[in-house]
Amino acid sequence: MKKHWVLGFGLAVLGSVLVACAPKESAVQSSGSAAAPKSATIRIGTMAAPDSLPLYVAQQAGYFKKHHLNVKLTAFKSPKERDAAIAGGQLDAAVSDAVALSTYVNGQLGFKSATALTGYFGIVTSADNVKSVADLKGQAIATMPRQTPTFYLDQQLAKAGLKDTDVAIKEVAAIPVRLQLVANKQAAATILPDPFLSMAKAQGLKVIAQSDPAQYQTTLLAVDRALGQNQAVMKRFYQAYDQAVKTINKHHASDYQALLTKQLGFPAKIAAAYQLPHYQAAQAVPTKTLKQAFAYAHQTGILKQAVDASDYQLQVQ
């Protein structure tokens, strides 16, 4: 009996010790890592401009992969090629602009603005008698009507007290040709994004107006309906994008020469002297700017009917 009592007592003590040492169920659940989110594939169309740099840095630095995103970047040489890919369902997202977004709305493609991108325009001239935007009255401007650069031009003309009818639009589709026409004094001015703006400066053209990305933003990342409705994936995208922005803002253009020349269209000499803009974290295009762009699109016949621009903008998470 004594032996049985001692054995029973010992087992009871051992059981108490094991119970005391064993982790509680809640501890097991909290100490174990949460299930990793399912990887999502996003096909993004980019353009040869600094606006796309955070996307390439996020891919190169592994930020997309870190946030369980399999991002496939495809570079396009022209908006026409990009928009054809969007219409053909080949892209989930694309580097675009506010006026182009209105064409997607007009075509019922289901795209919305996911975030503003860090892009800018400059109005350049080689004319000796043009010192400001006001001096463009009666002058020939090389551009394409019904596009975002011309929308920016119209806004600058209005600030100078001019109307769009006060200048003569010389329709030229290719941006490099526009730049060459102005350099050869066959047109008084044109509107350029980078890298062409930097090329114009290198050729000695005067910049009479340039937008500040922190104050004025029309470039954006447009996403299709399925991606835009997937809040979990979009949140991870914003996190990866913002991480890339923080990284870029700690570096100089010299750290990204390969990306600038191979992906963003900068000639090597221009890239070597380029100064990166201060990139903005993911944020919505200002509602006022988006509405103005849609109003311009409606007035010029791009957008067949007036719509509320805010209906085509996602909330940045």
C-alpha atoms as a PDB file:
ATOM      1  CA  MET A   1       0.000   0.000   0.000  1.00  0.00           C
ATOM      2  CA  LYS A   2       2.838   2.372   0.908  1.00  0.00           C
ATOM      3  CA  LYS A   3       4.610   1.670  -2.372  1.00  0.00           C
ATOM      4  CA  HIS A   4       1.440   2.310  -4.314  1.00  0.00           C
ATOM      5  CA  TRP A   5       0.874   5.563  -2.424  1.00  0.00           C
ATOM      6  CA  VAL A   6       4.427   6.777  -3.097  1.00  0.00           C
ATOM      7  CA  LEU A   7       4.167   5.862  -6.770  1.00  0.00           C
ATOM      8  CA  GLY A   8       0.810   7.560  -7.098  1.00  0.00           C
ATOM      9  CA  PHE A   9       2.099  10.653  -5.311  1.00  0.00           C
ATOM     10  CA  GLY A  10       5.141  10.768  -7.586  1.00  0.00           C
ATOM     11  CA  LEU A  11       3.052  10.510 -10.737  1.00  0.00           C
ATOM     12  CA  ALA A  12       0.762  13.238  -9.465  1.00  0.00           C
ATOM     13  CA  VAL A  13       3.720  15.538  -8.813  1.00  0.00           C
ATOM     14  CA  LEU A  14       5.212  14.754 -12.219  1.00  0.00           C
ATOM     15  CA  GLY A  15       1.867  15.449 -13.874  1.00  0.00           C
ATOM     16  CA  SER A  16       1.636  18.790 -12.078  1.00  0.00           C
ATOM     17  CA  VAL A  17       5.118  19.728 -13.224  1.00  0.00           C
ATOM     18  CA  LEU A  18       4.376  18.779 -16.829  1.00  0.00           C
ATOM     19  CA  VAL A  19       1.126  20.732 -16.783  1.00  0.00           C
ATOM     20  CA  ALA A  20       2.896  23.742 -15.278  1.00  0.00           C
ATOM     21  CA  CYS A  21       5.662  23.563 -17.876  1.00  0.00           C
ATOM     22  CA  ALA A  22       3.396  22.962 -20.849  1.00  0.00           C
ATOM     23  CA  PRO A  23       2.501  26.121 -22.812  1.00  0.00           C
ATOM     24  CA  LYS A  24      -1.104  27.204 -22.736  1.00  0.00           C
ATOM     25  CA  GLU A  25      -3.158  26.887 -25.921  1.00  0.00           C
ATOM     26  CA  SER A  26      -3.296  30.660 -26.281  1.00  0.00           C
ATOM     27  CA  ALA A  27       0.479  30.816 -25.959  1.00  0.00           C
ATOM     28  CA  VAL A  28       0.890  28.232 -28.705  1.00  0.00           C
ATOM     29  CA  GLN A  29      -1.391  30.196 -30.982  1.00  0.00           C
ATOM     30  CA  SER A  30       0.299  33.528 -30.323  1.00  0.00           C
ATOM     31  CA  SER A  31       3.866  32.237 -30.522  1.00  0.00           C
ATOM     32  CA  GLY A  32       3.311  30.479 -33.846  1.00  0.00           C
ATOM     33  CA  SER A  33       3.744  32.690 -36.924  1.00  0.00           C
ATOM     34  CA  ALA A  34       0.561  33.684 -38.693  1.00  0.00           C
ATOM     35  CA  ALA A  35      -0.093  32.002 -41.990  1.00  0.00           C
ATOM     36  CA  ALA A  36       1.618  33.947 -44.768  1.00  0.00           C
ATOM     37  CA  PRO A  37      -0.812  35.639 -47.164  1.00  0.00           C
ATOM     38  CA  LYS A  38      -1.240  33.988 -50.520  1.00  0.00           C
ATOM     39  CA  SER A  39       1.072  35.452 -53.140  1.00  0.00           C
ATOM     40  CA  ALA A  40      -0.693  37.681 -55.657  1.00  0.00           C
ATOM     41  CA  THR A  41       0.466  38.367 -59.196  1.00  0.00           C
ATOM     42  CA  ILE A  42       0.150  41.925 -60.530  1.00  0.00           C
ATOM     43  CA  ARG A  43       0.953  42.850 -64.137  1.00  0.00           C
ATOM     44  CA  ILE A  44       1.969  46.514 -64.267  1.00  0.00           C
ATOM     45  CA  GLY A  45       2.682  48.579 -67.356  1.00  0.00           C
ATOM     46  CA  THR A  46       5.344  51.254 -66.891  1.00  0.00           C
ATOM     47  CA  MET A  47       6.437  54.254 -68.926  1.00  0.00           C
ATOM     48  CA  ALA A  48       9.900  55.657 -69.599  1.00  0.00           C
ATOM     49  CA  ALA A  49       9.725  58.413 -66.987  1.00  0.00           C
ATOM     50  CA  PRO A  50      10.859  58.981 -63.379  1.00  0.00           C
ATOM     51  CA  ASP A  51       7.275  58.285 -62.237  1.00  0.00           C
ATOM     52  CA  SER A  52       7.988  54.559 -62.632  1.00  0.00           C
ATOM     53  CA  LEU A  53      11.207  54.457 -60.587  1.00  0.00           C
ATOM     54  CA  PRO A  54       9.638  53.357 -57.246  1.00  0.00           C
ATOM     55  CA  LEU A  55       8.107  50.342 -58.998  1.00  0.00           C
ATOM     56  CA  TYR A  56      11.470  49.192 -60.316  1.00  0.00           C
ATOM     57  CA  VAL A  57      13.187  49.826 -56.976  1.00  0.00           C
ATOM     58  CA  ALA A  58      10.459  47.876 -55.137  1.00  0.00           C
ATOM     59  CA  GLN A  59      11.048  44.986 -57.511  1.00  0.00           C
ATOM     60  CA  GLN A  60      14.861  45.190 -57.483  1.00  0.00           C
ATOM     61  CA  ALA A  61      15.123  45.526 -53.698  1.00  0.00           C
ATOM     62  CA  GLY A  62      12.683  42.676 -53.069  1.00  0.00           C
ATOM     63  CA  TYR A  63      10.006  44.802 -51.409  1.00  0.00           C
ATOM     64  CA  PHE A  64       7.241  43.351 -53.561  1.00  0.00           C
ATOM     65  CA  LYS A  65       8.419  39.837 -52.778  1.00  0.00           C
ATOM     66  CA  LYS A  66       8.608  40.700 -49.072  1.00  0.00           C
ATOM     67  CA  HIS A  67       4.926  41.621 -49.177  1.00  0.00           C
ATOM     68  CA  HIS A  68       4.002  38.439 -51.072  1.00  0.00           C
ATOM     69  CA  LEU A  69       3.499  40.146 -54.408  1.00  0.00           C
ATOM     70  CA  ASN A  70       4.668  38.700 -57.694  1.00  0.00           C
ATOM     71  CA  VAL A  71       4.900  41.865 -59.771  1.00  0.00           C
ATOM     72  CA  LYS A  72       5.608  41.707 -63.489  1.00  0.00           C
ATOM     73  CA  LEU A  73       6.714  45.049 -64.932  1.00  0.00           C
ATOM     74  CA  THR A  74       6.347  45.685 -68.661  1.00  0.00           C
ATOM     75  CA  ALA A  75       7.815  48.876 -70.135  1.00  0.00           C
ATOM     76  CA  PHE A  76       5.895  50.651 -72.894  1.00  0.00           C
ATOM     77  CA  LYS A  77       7.359  53.176 -75.313  1.00  0.00           C
ATOM     78  CA  SER A  78       4.149  55.100 -75.871  1.00  0.00           C
ATOM     79  CA  PRO A  79       0.797  55.711 -74.159  1.00  0.00           C
ATOM     80  CA  LYS A  80      -0.900  54.256 -77.243  1.00  0.00           C
ATOM     81  CA  GLU A  81       0.822  50.895 -76.761  1.00  0.00           C
ATOM     82  CA  ARG A  82       0.072  50.946 -73.038  1.00  0.00           C
ATOM     83  CA  ASP A  83      -3.593  51.739 -73.540  1.00  0.00           C
ATOM     84  CA  ALA A  84      -3.926  48.982 -76.139  1.00  0.00           C
ATOM     85  CA  ALA A  85      -2.576  46.518 -73.573  1.00  0.00           C
ATOM     86  CA  ILE A  86      -5.068  47.816 -70.994  1.00  0.00           C
ATOM     87  CA  ALA A  87      -7.974  47.476 -73.422  1.00  0.00           C
ATOM     88  CA  GLY A  88      -6.812  43.960 -74.281  1.00  0.00           C
ATOM     89  CA  GLY A  89      -6.858  42.867 -70.624  1.00  0.00           C
ATOM     90  CA  GLN A  90      -3.089  42.318 -70.555  1.00  0.00           C
ATOM     91  CA  LEU A  91      -2.459  44.571 -67.533  1.00  0.00           C
ATOM     92  CA  ASP A  92      -3.805  44.758 -63.986  1.00  0.00           C
ATOM     93  CA  ALA A  93      -2.334  48.219 -63.454  1.00  0.00           C
ATOM     94  CA  ALA A  94      -0.454  50.878 -65.392  1.00  0.00           C
ATOM     95  CA  VAL A  95       1.494  54.090 -64.944  1.00  0.00           C
ATOM     96  CA  SER A  96      -0.875  56.607 -66.499  1.00  0.00           C
ATOM     97  CA  ASP A  97      -2.326  60.078 -65.968  1.00  0.00           C
ATOM     98  CA  ALA A  98      -5.545  61.827 -65.068  1.00  0.00           C
ATOM     99  CA  VAL A  99      -6.707  62.564 -68.622  1.00  0.00           C
ATOM    100  CA  ALA A 100      -5.877  59.052 -69.828  1.00  0.00           C
ATOM    101  CA  LEU A 101      -7.891  57.692 -66.891  1.00  0.00           C
ATOM    102  CA  SER A 102     -10.920  59.495 -68.278  1.00  0.00           C
ATOM    103  CA  THR A 103     -10.516  57.548 -71.528  1.00  0.00           C
ATOM    104  CA  TYR A 104     -10.596  54.299 -69.547  1.00  0.00           C
ATOM    105  CA  VAL A 105     -13.797  55.527 -67.907  1.00  0.00           C
ATOM    106  CA  ASN A 106     -15.206  56.405 -71.317  1.00  0.00           C
ATOM    107  CA  GLY A 107     -14.368  52.912 -72.554  1.00  0.00           C
ATOM    108  CA  GLN A 108     -15.868  51.324 -69.429  1.00  0.00           C
ATOM    109  CA  LEU A 109     -12.623  49.465 -68.729  1.00  0.00           C
ATOM    110  CA  GLY A 110     -13.175  49.442 -64.977  1.00  0.00           C
ATOM    111  CA  PHE A 111      -9.915  51.205 -64.081  1.00  0.00           C
ATOM    112  CA  LYS A 112      -9.501  53.596 -61.146  1.00  0.00           C
ATOM    113  CA  SER A 113      -6.704  55.732 -59.750  1.00  0.00           C
ATOM    114  CA  ALA A 114      -4.880  53.840 -56.993  1.00  0.00           C
ATOM    115  CA  THR A 115      -2.229  56.413 -56.104  1.00  0.00           C
ATOM    116  CA  ALA A 116      -0.614  59.545 -57.419  1.00  0.00           C
ATOM    117  CA  LEU A 117       2.901  59.117 -58.758  1.00  0.00           C
ATOM    118  CA  THR A 118       5.775  61.577 -58.638  1.00  0.00           C
ATOM    119  CA  GLY A 119       5.740  63.108 -62.102  1.00  0.00           C
ATOM    120  CA  TYR A 120       6.004  66.631 -63.477  1.00  0.00           C
ATOM    121  CA  PHE A 121       5.894  68.728 -66.661  1.00  0.00           C
ATOM    122  CA  GLY A 122       7.884  71.666 -67.921  1.00  0.00           C
ATOM    123  CA  ILE A 123       7.100  74.170 -70.669  1.00  0.00           C
ATOM    124  CA  VAL A 124      10.263  74.885 -72.659  1.00  0.00           C
ATOM    125  CA  THR A 125      11.092  77.374 -75.380  1.00  0.00           C
ATOM    126  CA  SER A 126      13.961  78.406 -77.625  1.00  0.00           C
ATOM    127  CA  ALA A 127      12.314  81.670 -78.687  1.00  0.00           C
ATOM    128  CA  ASP A 128      14.284  84.735 -77.643  1.00  0.00           C
ATOM    129  CA  ASN A 129      11.128  86.810 -77.218  1.00  0.00           C
ATOM    130  CA  VAL A 130       9.414  84.303 -74.897  1.00  0.00           C
ATOM    131  CA  LYS A 131      10.325  84.971 -71.289  1.00  0.00           C
ATOM    132  CA  SER A 132       7.151  83.715 -69.598  1.00  0.00           C
ATOM    133  CA  VAL A 133       3.958  81.822 -70.330  1.00  0.00           C
ATOM    134  CA  ALA A 134       2.217  85.122 -71.077  1.00  0.00           C
ATOM    135  CA  ASP A 135       4.620  85.638 -74.000  1.00  0.00           C
ATOM    136  CA  LEU A 136       3.230  82.518 -75.701  1.00  0.00           C
ATOM    137  CA  LYS A 137       0.263  84.505 -77.034  1.00  0.00           C
ATOM    138  CA  GLY A 138       0.098  84.021 -80.788  1.00  0.00           C
ATOM    139  CA  GLN A 139       2.921  81.472 -80.729  1.00  0.00           C
ATOM    140  CA  ALA A 140       2.953  77.903 -82.082  1.00  0.00           C
ATOM    141  CA  ILE A 141       3.056  75.189 -79.402  1.00  0.00           C
ATOM    142  CA  ALA A 142       4.128  71.679 -80.409  1.00  0.00           C
ATOM    143  CA  THR A 143       1.934  69.185 -78.557  1.00  0.00           C
ATOM    144  CA  MET A 144      -1.008  66.853 -78.967  1.00  0.00           C
ATOM    145  CA  PRO A 145      -4.446  68.169 -77.997  1.00  0.00           C
ATOM    146  CA  ARG A 146      -6.642  66.286 -75.552  1.00  0.00           C
ATOM    147  CA  GLN A 147      -3.721  64.901 -73.563  1.00  0.00           C
ATOM    148  CA  THR A 148      -2.394  65.651 -70.079  1.00  0.00           C
ATOM    149  CA  PRO A 149       0.543  67.855 -71.223  1.00  0.00           C
ATOM    150  CA  THR A 150      -1.932  70.081 -73.071  1.00  0.00           C
ATOM    151  CA  PHE A 151      -4.218  70.055 -70.025  1.00  0.00           C
ATOM    152  CA  TYR A 152      -1.249  71.368 -68.009  1.00  0.00           C
ATOM    153  CA  LEU A 153      -0.549  73.973 -70.718  1.00  0.00           C
ATOM    154  CA  ASP A 154      -4.171  75.196 -70.593  1.00  0.00           C
ATOM    155  CA  GLN A 155      -3.923  75.631 -66.830  1.00  0.00           C
ATOM    156  CA  GLN A 156      -0.717  77.625 -67.142  1.00  0.00           C
ATOM    157  CA  LEU A 157      -2.199  79.774 -69.898  1.00  0.00           C
ATOM    158  CA  ALA A 158      -5.194  80.520 -67.672  1.00  0.00           C
ATOM    159  CA  LYS A 159      -2.885  81.599 -64.852  1.00  0.00           C
ATOM    160  CA  ALA A 160      -1.235  83.995 -67.297  1.00  0.00           C
ATOM    161  CA  GLY A 161      -4.599  85.405 -68.354  1.00  0.00           C
ATOM    162  CA  LEU A 162      -4.670  83.605 -71.703  1.00  0.00           C
ATOM    163  CA  LYS A 163      -7.085  81.176 -73.341  1.00  0.00           C
ATOM    164  CA  ASP A 164      -6.204  78.059 -75.276  1.00  0.00           C
ATOM    165  CA  THR A 165      -7.331  79.899 -78.417  1.00  0.00           C
ATOM    166  CA  ASP A 166      -4.589  82.479 -77.822  1.00  0.00           C
ATOM    167  CA  VAL A 167      -1.955  79.979 -78.973  1.00  0.00           C
ATOM    168  CA  ALA A 168      -1.644  77.871 -82.110  1.00  0.00           C
ATOM    169  CA  ILE A 169      -1.427  74.154 -81.394  1.00  0.00           C
ATOM    170  CA  LYS A 170       0.923  72.357 -83.749  1.00  0.00           C
ATOM    171  CA  GLU A 171      -0.057  68.696 -83.517  1.00  0.00           C
ATOM    172  CA  VAL A 172       2.998  66.480 -83.154  1.00  0.00           C
ATOM    173  CA  ALA A 173       2.540  62.961 -81.760  1.00  0.00           C
ATOM    174  CA  ALA A 174       6.120  61.994 -80.868  1.00  0.00           C
ATOM    175  CA  ILE A 175       7.689  63.788 -77.920  1.00  0.00           C
ATOM    176  CA  PRO A 176      11.261  63.626 -79.308  1.00  0.00           C
ATOM    177  CA  VAL A 177      10.022  65.326 -82.491  1.00  0.00           C
ATOM    178  CA  ARG A 178       8.351  68.064 -80.446  1.00  0.00           C
ATOM    179  CA  LEU A 179      11.616  68.720 -78.650  1.00  0.00           C
ATOM    180  CA  GLN A 180      13.532  68.842 -81.930  1.00  0.00           C
ATOM    181  CA  LEU A 181      11.043  71.272 -83.481  1.00  0.00           C
ATOM    182  CA  VAL A 182      11.479  73.684 -80.593  1.00  0.00           C
ATOM    183  CA  ALA A 183      15.266  73.288 -80.601  1.00  0.00           C
ATOM    184  CA  ASN A 184      15.234  74.116 -84.344  1.00  0.00           C
ATOM    185  CA  LYS A 185      12.910  77.098 -83.720  1.00  0.00           C
ATOM    186  CA  GLN A 186      10.149  75.568 -85.831  1.00  0.00           C
ATOM    187  CA  ALA A 187       7.796  75.877 -82.874  1.00  0.00           C
ATOM    188  CA  ALA A 188       7.969  78.363 -80.027  1.00  0.00           C
ATOM    189  CA  ALA A 189       7.439  75.929 -77.177  1.00  0.00           C
ATOM    190  CA  THR A 190       6.384  72.481 -76.073  1.00  0.00           C
ATOM    191  CA  ILE A 191       5.452  70.664 -72.849  1.00  0.00           C
ATOM    192  CA  LEU A 192       7.745  67.874 -71.698  1.00  0.00           C
ATOM    193  CA  PRO A 193       8.002  65.296 -68.931  1.00  0.00           C
ATOM    194  CA  ASP A 194      11.366  63.894 -67.919  1.00  0.00           C
ATOM    195  CA  PRO A 195      13.675  62.580 -69.298  1.00  0.00           C
ATOM    196  CA  PHE A 196      12.869  64.884 -72.242  1.00  0.00           C
ATOM    197  CA  LEU A 197      12.706  67.912 -69.966  1.00  0.00           C
ATOM    198  CA  SER A 198      16.270  67.237 -68.823  1.00  0.00           C
ATOM    199  CA  MET A 199      17.322  66.756 -72.456  1.00  0.00           C
ATOM    200  CA  ALA A 200      15.816  70.135 -73.328  1.00  0.00           C
ATOM    201  CA  LYS A 201      17.701  71.824 -70.501  1.00  0.00           C
ATOM    202  CA  ALA A 202      20.927  70.185 -71.676  1.00  0.00           C
ATOM    203  CA  GLN A 203      20.324  71.658 -75.143  1.00  0.00           C
ATOM    204  CA  GLY A 204      19.964  75.126 -73.659  1.00  0.00           C
ATOM    205  CA  LEU A 205      16.201  75.514 -73.947  1.00  0.00           C
ATOM    206  CA  LYS A 206      14.539  77.796 -71.407  1.00  0.00           C
ATOM    207  CA  VAL A 207      12.019  76.432 -68.914  1.00  0.00           C
ATOM    208  CA  ILE A 208       9.268  79.003 -68.429  1.00  0.00           C
ATOM    209  CA  ALA A 209       7.035  76.848 -66.217  1.00  0.00           C
ATOM    210  CA  GLN A 210       7.518  73.601 -64.348  1.00  0.00           C
ATOM    211  CA  SER A 211       5.095  71.777 -62.060  1.00  0.00           C
ATOM    212  CA  ASP A 212       6.050  70.891 -58.507  1.00  0.00           C
ATOM    213  CA  PRO A 213       5.232  67.232 -57.743  1.00  0.00           C
ATOM    214  CA  ALA A 214       4.512  68.106 -54.123  1.00  0.00           C
ATOM    215  CA  GLN A 215       1.870  70.661 -55.136  1.00  0.00           C
ATOM    216  CA  TYR A 216       0.537  69.460 -58.487  1.00  0.00           C
ATOM    217  CA  GLN A 217       0.092  65.859 -59.501  1.00  0.00           C
ATOM    218  CA  THR A 218      -1.610  64.347 -62.532  1.00  0.00           C
ATOM    219  CA  THR A 219       0.422  61.158 -63.053  1.00  0.00           C
ATOM    220  CA  LEU A 220      -1.020  58.113 -61.351  1.00  0.00           C
ATOM    221  CA  LEU A 221      -1.149  54.345 -61.127  1.00  0.00           C
ATOM    222  CA  ALA A 222      -4.426  53.078 -62.562  1.00  0.00           C
ATOM    223  CA  VAL A 223      -5.655  49.646 -61.473  1.00  0.00           C
ATOM    224  CA  ASP A 224      -8.391  47.425 -62.845  1.00  0.00           C
ATOM    225  CA  ARG A 225     -11.592  46.543 -61.002  1.00  0.00           C
ATOM    226  CA  ALA A 226     -10.464  43.167 -59.655  1.00  0.00           C
ATOM    227  CA  LEU A 227      -7.225  44.510 -58.186  1.00  0.00           C
ATOM    228  CA  GLY A 228      -8.844  47.659 -56.855  1.00  0.00           C
ATOM    229  CA  GLN A 229     -11.444  45.642 -54.972  1.00  0.00           C
ATOM    230  CA  ASN A 230      -8.819  43.418 -53.338  1.00  0.00           C
ATOM    231  CA  GLN A 231      -8.065  45.611 -50.338  1.00  0.00           C
ATOM    232  CA  ALA A 232      -5.615  43.170 -48.766  1.00  0.00           C
ATOM    233  CA  VAL A 233      -3.441  43.039 -51.884  1.00  0.00           C
ATOM    234  CA  MET A 234      -3.648  46.790 -52.402  1.00  0.00           C
ATOM    235  CA  LYS A 235      -2.551  47.382 -48.820  1.00  0.00           C
ATOM    236  CA  ARG A 236       0.507  45.187 -49.376  1.00  0.00           C
ATOM    237  CA  PHE A 237       1.213  47.018 -52.636  1.00  0.00           C
ATOM    238  CA  TYR A 238       1.119  50.403 -50.893  1.00  0.00           C
ATOM    239  CA  GLN A 239       3.467  49.128 -48.196  1.00  0.00           C
ATOM    240  CA  ALA A 240       5.993  47.915 -50.767  1.00  0.00           C
ATOM    241  CA  TYR A 241       5.671  51.130 -52.783  1.00  0.00           C
ATOM    242  CA  ASP A 242       6.182  53.330 -49.714  1.00  0.00           C
ATOM    243  CA  GLN A 243       9.227  51.320 -48.701  1.00  0.00           C
ATOM    244  CA  ALA A 244      10.714  51.926 -52.140  1.00  0.00           C
ATOM    245  CA  VAL A 245       9.980  55.647 -51.864  1.00  0.00           C
ATOM    246  CA  LYS A 246      11.795  55.850 -48.516  1.00  0.00           C
ATOM    247  CA  THR A 247      14.760  54.049 -50.010  1.00  0.00           C
ATOM    248  CA  ILE A 248      14.943  56.313 -53.054  1.00  0.00           C
ATOM    249  CA  ASN A 249      14.748  59.471 -50.969  1.00  0.00           C
ATOM    250  CA  LYS A 250      17.855  58.338 -49.056  1.00  0.00           C
ATOM    251  CA  HIS A 251      19.869  57.930 -52.254  1.00  0.00           C
ATOM    252  CA  HIS A 252      21.026  59.868 -55.293  1.00  0.00           C
ATOM    253  CA  ALA A 253      20.490  59.361 -59.003  1.00  0.00           C
ATOM    254  CA  SER A 254      24.015  57.931 -59.232  1.00  0.00           C
ATOM    255  CA  ASP A 255      22.733  54.896 -57.302  1.00  0.00           C
ATOM    256  CA  TYR A 256      20.121  54.202 -59.972  1.00  0.00           C
ATOM    257  CA  GLN A 257      22.007  54.796 -63.208  1.00  0.00           C
ATOM    258  CA  ALA A 258      21.152  51.383 -64.645  1.00  0.00           C
ATOM    259  CA  LEU A 259      17.432  51.837 -63.990  1.00  0.00           C
ATOM    260  CA  LEU A 260      17.444  55.402 -65.315  1.00  0.00           C
ATOM    261  CA  THR A 261      19.115  54.423 -68.579  1.00  0.00           C
ATOM    262  CA  LYS A 262      17.696  50.948 -69.216  1.00  0.00           C
ATOM    263  CA  GLN A 263      14.150  51.314 -67.907  1.00  0.00           C
ATOM    264  CA  LEU A 264      13.354  55.027 -67.769  1.00  0.00           C
ATOM    265  CA  GLY A 265      14.786  56.217 -71.078  1.00  0.00           C
ATOM    266  CA  PHE A 266      17.505  58.561 -69.820  1.00  0.00           C
ATOM    267  CA  PRO A 267      20.565  58.978 -72.052  1.00  0.00           C
ATOM    268  CA  ALA A 268      23.696  58.110 -70.061  1.00  0.00           C
ATOM    269  CA  LYS A 269      25.003  61.703 -69.987  1.00  0.00           C
ATOM    270  CA  ILE A 270      21.642  63.065 -68.834  1.00  0.00           C
ATOM    271  CA  ALA A 271      21.290  60.343 -66.190  1.00  0.00           C
ATOM    272  CA  ALA A 272      24.734  61.136 -64.790  1.00  0.00           C
ATOM    273  CA  ALA A 273      23.735  64.748 -64.099  1.00  0.00           C
ATOM    274  CA  TYR A 274      20.126  64.079 -63.103  1.00  0.00           C
ATOM    275  CA  GLN A 275      18.765  65.055 -59.697  1.00  0.00           C
ATOM    276  CA  LEU A 276      16.006  62.849 -58.396  1.00  0.00           C
ATOM    277  CA  PRO A 277      12.781  64.555 -57.294  1.00  0.00           C
ATOM    278  CA  HIS A 278      11.602  63.999 -53.734  1.00  0.00           C
ATOM    279  CA  TYR A 279       9.246  61.074 -54.124  1.00  0.00           C
ATOM    280  CA  GLN A 280       5.889  61.102 -52.380  1.00  0.00           C
ATOM    281  CA  ALA A 281       4.428  58.134 -50.511  1.00  0.00           C
ATOM    282  CA  ALA A 282       1.286  56.544 -51.912  1.00  0.00           C
ATOM    283  CA  GLN A 283      -1.541  59.062 -51.773  1.00  0.00           C
ATOM    284  CA  ALA A 284      -4.625  59.959 -53.746  1.00  0.00           C
ATOM    285  CA  VAL A 285      -4.441  62.424 -56.607  1.00  0.00           C
ATOM    286  CA  PRO A 286      -5.947  65.650 -55.204  1.00  0.00           C
ATOM    287  CA  THR A 287      -9.676  65.490 -55.874  1.00  0.00           C
ATOM    288  CA  LYS A 288      -9.640  69.039 -57.254  1.00  0.00           C
ATOM    289  CA  THR A 289      -6.975  68.159 -59.823  1.00  0.00           C
ATOM    290  CA  LEU A 290      -8.731  64.953 -60.857  1.00  0.00           C
ATOM    291  CA  LYS A 291     -12.046  66.777 -61.301  1.00  0.00           C
ATOM    292  CA  GLN A 292     -10.352  69.491 -63.359  1.00  0.00           C
ATOM    293  CA  ALA A 293      -8.756  66.854 -65.578  1.00  0.00           C
ATOM    294  CA  PHE A 294     -12.099  65.103 -66.090  1.00  0.00           C
ATOM    295  CA  ALA A 295     -13.769  68.442 -66.842  1.00  0.00           C
ATOM    296  CA  TYR A 296     -11.069  69.143 -69.440  1.00  0.00           C
ATOM    297  CA  ALA A 297     -11.631  65.677 -70.911  1.00  0.00           C
ATOM    298  CA  HIS A 298     -15.374  66.325 -71.136  1.00  0.00           C
ATOM    299  CA  GLN A 299     -14.939  69.783 -72.668  1.00  0.00           C
ATOM    300  CA  THR A 300     -12.560  68.476 -75.323  1.00  0.00           C
ATOM    301  CA  GLY A 301     -14.734  65.490 -76.206  1.00  0.00           C
ATOM    302  CA  ILE A 302     -12.558  62.765 -74.699  1.00  0.00           C
ATOM    303  CA  LEU A 303     -15.147  61.957 -72.060  1.00  0.00           C
ATOM    304  CA  LYS A 304     -18.540  61.525 -73.671  1.00  0.00           C
ATOM    305  CA  GLN A 305     -20.506  62.462 -70.568  1.00  0.00           C
ATOM    306  CA  ALA A 306     -19.756  64.301 -67.339  1.00  0.00           C
ATOM    307  CA  VAL A 307     -18.959  61.991 -64.435  1.00  0.00           C
ATOM    308  CA  ASP A 308     -17.923  62.466 -60.830  1.00  0.00           C
ATOM    309  CA  ALA A 309     -14.152  62.001 -60.885  1.00  0.00           C
ATOM    310  CA  SER A 310     -14.093  60.986 -57.218  1.00  0.00           C
ATOM    311  CA  ASP A 311     -15.974  57.795 -58.166  1.00  0.00           C
ATOM    312  CA  TYR A 312     -12.873  56.665 -60.013  1.00  0.00           C
ATOM    313  CA  GLN A 313     -10.390  56.990 -57.200  1.00  0.00           C
ATOM    314  CA  LEU A 314      -9.466  54.429 -54.553  1.00  0.00           C
ATOM    315  CA  GLN A 315      -8.813  55.316 -50.947  1.00  0.00           C
ATOM    316  CA  VAL A 316      -5.116  54.848 -50.233  1.00  0.00           C
ATOM    317  CA  GLN A 317      -4.827  52.481 -47.261  1.00  0.00           C
END
